Amino acid sequence: MPLMRLLLPLLLLLTLSGCASAGASHWVELGGARYQVELATNDESRTRGLMFREEMPVDHGMLFLHDREELQAYWMKNTRIALDILYFDDERRLVSQQRDVPPCSAGDRCPPYPSSGPARYVLELNAGQAEKLGLQDGALLTFGPGIADQP
């Protein structure tokens, strides 16, 4: 019985701390708008990206963090929602945009959508967001707390 008295508060504390971390979210700001983002920081999560998603809330996106600035190319393999693919350099300035990229169910035959210049960060938003924000190359991407500059 004394062991249970010690374990019960510990279990309660662990449960509550798990709930708090589950509610943590990351965000970025771009063109005066804030987006809740999922992070893709390794090869596995970058490869999976937004595959098989049926929808994404308008104020959400996915931020891909690469180890270094270089030419990037993304594709829409198994992606079911149209996206804007936005490429940012080391200083988080917009260097290239692929707007209104359609979904693709052609597997490995889906075309690539490359950046026109070296990029380190890639932000995928629902198609139409770049136009809505009036984004132009040079726009600055701001990271919220908890997003490291390097994966």
Protein backbone atom coordinates (compact mmCIF):
# COMPACT_ATOMS: atom_id res chain seq x y z
CA MET A 1 0.00 0.00 0.00
CA PRO A 2 2.75 2.57 0.77
CA LEU A 3 4.25 1.86 -2.67
CA MET A 4 0.92 2.70 -4.31
CA ARG A 5 0.83 6.04 -2.46
CA LEU A 6 4.20 6.89 -3.97
CA LEU A 7 3.43 5.63 -7.48
CA LEU A 8 0.02 7.25 -7.89
CA PRO A 9 1.26 10.88 -7.73
CA LEU A 10 4.14 9.97 -10.04
CA LEU A 11 1.80 8.43 -12.61
CA LEU A 12 -0.50 11.46 -12.39
CA LEU A 13 2.44 13.81 -12.95
CA LEU A 14 3.64 11.82 -15.97
CA THR A 15 0.14 11.78 -17.46
CA LEU A 16 -0.27 15.54 -17.05
CA SER A 17 3.16 16.33 -18.49
CA GLY A 18 2.36 14.13 -21.51
CA CYS A 19 -0.85 16.08 -22.10
CA ALA A 20 0.97 19.40 -21.94
CA SER A 21 3.56 18.41 -24.52
CA ALA A 22 0.91 16.98 -26.82
CA GLY A 23 -0.68 20.44 -26.96
CA ALA A 24 2.58 22.13 -27.95
CA SER A 25 2.60 23.46 -31.49
CA HIS A 26 4.97 25.27 -33.79
CA TRP A 27 4.16 28.30 -35.87
CA VAL A 28 5.63 30.55 -38.52
CA GLU A 29 4.65 33.99 -39.75
CA LEU A 30 4.69 35.00 -43.39
CA GLY A 31 3.17 38.01 -45.11
CA GLY A 32 1.40 39.08 -41.93
CA ALA A 33 -0.27 35.69 -41.37
CA ARG A 34 0.50 33.03 -38.80
CA TYR A 35 0.44 29.33 -39.68
CA GLN A 36 0.56 26.35 -37.34
CA VAL A 37 3.16 24.03 -38.84
CA GLU A 38 4.27 20.46 -38.58
CA LEU A 39 8.03 20.09 -38.80
CA ALA A 40 9.85 17.77 -41.18
CA THR A 41 13.42 17.66 -39.91
CA ASN A 42 14.83 14.33 -41.12
CA ASP A 43 14.86 12.33 -44.33
CA GLU A 44 11.94 10.14 -43.28
CA SER A 45 9.61 13.00 -42.34
CA ARG A 46 10.67 15.07 -45.37
CA THR A 47 9.98 12.12 -47.69
CA ARG A 48 6.54 11.48 -46.16
CA GLY A 49 5.57 15.17 -46.07
CA LEU A 50 1.85 15.65 -46.56
CA MET A 51 1.24 12.37 -48.37
CA PHE A 52 -2.22 10.81 -48.07
CA ARG A 53 -3.79 13.82 -46.34
CA GLU A 54 -7.35 14.52 -47.44
CA GLU A 55 -7.31 18.10 -46.15
CA MET A 56 -5.35 20.62 -44.13
CA PRO A 57 -6.82 23.56 -42.20
CA VAL A 58 -6.32 26.90 -43.96
CA ASP A 59 -4.06 28.25 -41.20
CA HIS A 60 -1.79 25.18 -41.17
CA GLY A 61 1.21 23.99 -43.15
CA MET A 62 4.34 21.89 -43.09
CA LEU A 63 7.84 23.33 -42.66
CA PHE A 64 10.74 21.30 -44.06
CA LEU A 65 14.14 22.05 -42.51
CA HIS A 66 17.23 21.02 -44.46
CA ASP A 67 20.81 20.78 -43.19
CA ARG A 68 22.16 23.25 -45.77
CA GLU A 69 21.13 25.69 -48.42
CA GLU A 70 21.03 24.11 -51.89
CA LEU A 71 18.72 23.68 -54.85
CA GLN A 72 15.61 21.81 -53.74
CA ALA A 73 12.93 19.96 -55.70
CA TYR A 74 9.68 18.71 -54.25
CA TRP A 75 7.03 16.52 -55.79
CA MET A 76 3.44 15.64 -55.04
CA LYS A 77 3.65 11.84 -54.97
CA ASN A 78 0.56 10.52 -53.12
CA THR A 79 -0.40 14.06 -52.15
CA ARG A 80 -4.15 14.59 -52.29
CA ILE A 81 -4.38 18.34 -51.69
CA ALA A 82 -3.19 21.18 -53.91
CA LEU A 83 -0.33 23.14 -52.36
CA ASP A 84 1.81 26.25 -52.61
CA ILE A 85 5.46 25.20 -52.23
CA LEU A 86 7.59 28.09 -50.96
CA TYR A 87 11.40 27.97 -50.85
CA PHE A 88 13.48 30.08 -48.41
CA ASP A 89 17.24 30.64 -48.12
CA ASP A 90 19.49 30.62 -45.03
CA GLU A 91 18.20 34.07 -44.03
CA ARG A 92 14.62 32.81 -44.39
CA ARG A 93 13.94 35.03 -47.41
CA LEU A 94 11.60 33.70 -50.08
CA VAL A 95 13.70 32.73 -53.11
CA SER A 96 11.26 30.68 -55.17
CA GLN A 97 7.55 29.84 -55.35
CA GLN A 98 5.59 27.01 -56.90
CA ARG A 99 1.95 28.07 -56.60
CA ASP A 100 -1.19 25.98 -56.97
CA VAL A 101 0.65 22.70 -57.41
CA PRO A 102 -1.97 20.02 -58.15
CA PRO A 103 -2.30 16.70 -56.32
CA CYS A 104 -0.67 13.71 -58.01
CA SER A 105 -1.67 10.06 -57.91
CA ALA A 106 0.80 8.95 -60.61
CA GLY A 107 3.33 7.59 -58.10
CA ASP A 108 6.90 7.88 -59.32
CA ARG A 109 5.69 9.60 -62.50
CA CYS A 110 4.68 12.75 -60.57
CA PRO A 111 6.67 15.73 -61.83
CA PRO A 112 9.18 17.59 -59.64
CA TYR A 113 8.68 21.25 -58.67
CA PRO A 114 12.19 22.69 -58.22
CA SER A 115 13.35 25.88 -56.56
CA SER A 116 14.86 28.49 -58.87
CA GLY A 117 17.64 29.18 -56.37
CA PRO A 118 19.32 27.59 -53.35
CA ALA A 119 16.97 27.07 -50.41
CA ARG A 120 17.23 25.65 -46.91
CA TYR A 121 13.64 25.87 -45.71
CA VAL A 122 10.51 24.82 -47.58
CA LEU A 123 7.01 25.76 -46.47
CA GLU A 124 3.99 23.96 -47.89
CA LEU A 125 0.65 25.71 -47.52
CA ASN A 126 -2.76 25.11 -49.02
CA ALA A 127 -2.90 26.26 -52.64
CA GLY A 128 -3.93 29.89 -52.95
CA GLN A 129 -2.30 31.12 -49.75
CA ALA A 130 0.68 32.70 -51.54
CA GLU A 131 -1.67 34.64 -53.81
CA LYS A 132 -3.91 35.64 -50.90
CA LEU A 133 -0.86 37.04 -49.07
CA GLY A 134 0.51 38.70 -52.21
CA LEU A 135 3.87 37.01 -51.63
CA GLN A 136 6.83 38.21 -53.61
CA ASP A 137 10.37 36.89 -53.62
CA GLY A 138 12.28 38.37 -50.69
CA ALA A 139 9.41 38.00 -48.21
CA LEU A 140 10.71 37.06 -44.77
CA LEU A 141 9.65 33.88 -42.94
CA THR A 142 9.62 34.24 -39.15
CA PHE A 143 9.96 31.19 -36.91
CA GLY A 144 8.05 30.90 -33.66
CA PRO A 145 9.76 29.64 -30.49
CA GLY A 146 10.93 26.06 -30.57
CA ILE A 147 11.88 25.92 -34.25
CA ALA A 148 15.62 25.53 -34.51
CA ASP A 149 17.55 26.95 -37.45
CA GLN A 150 19.13 23.55 -37.99
CA PRO A 151 17.45 20.17 -37.94
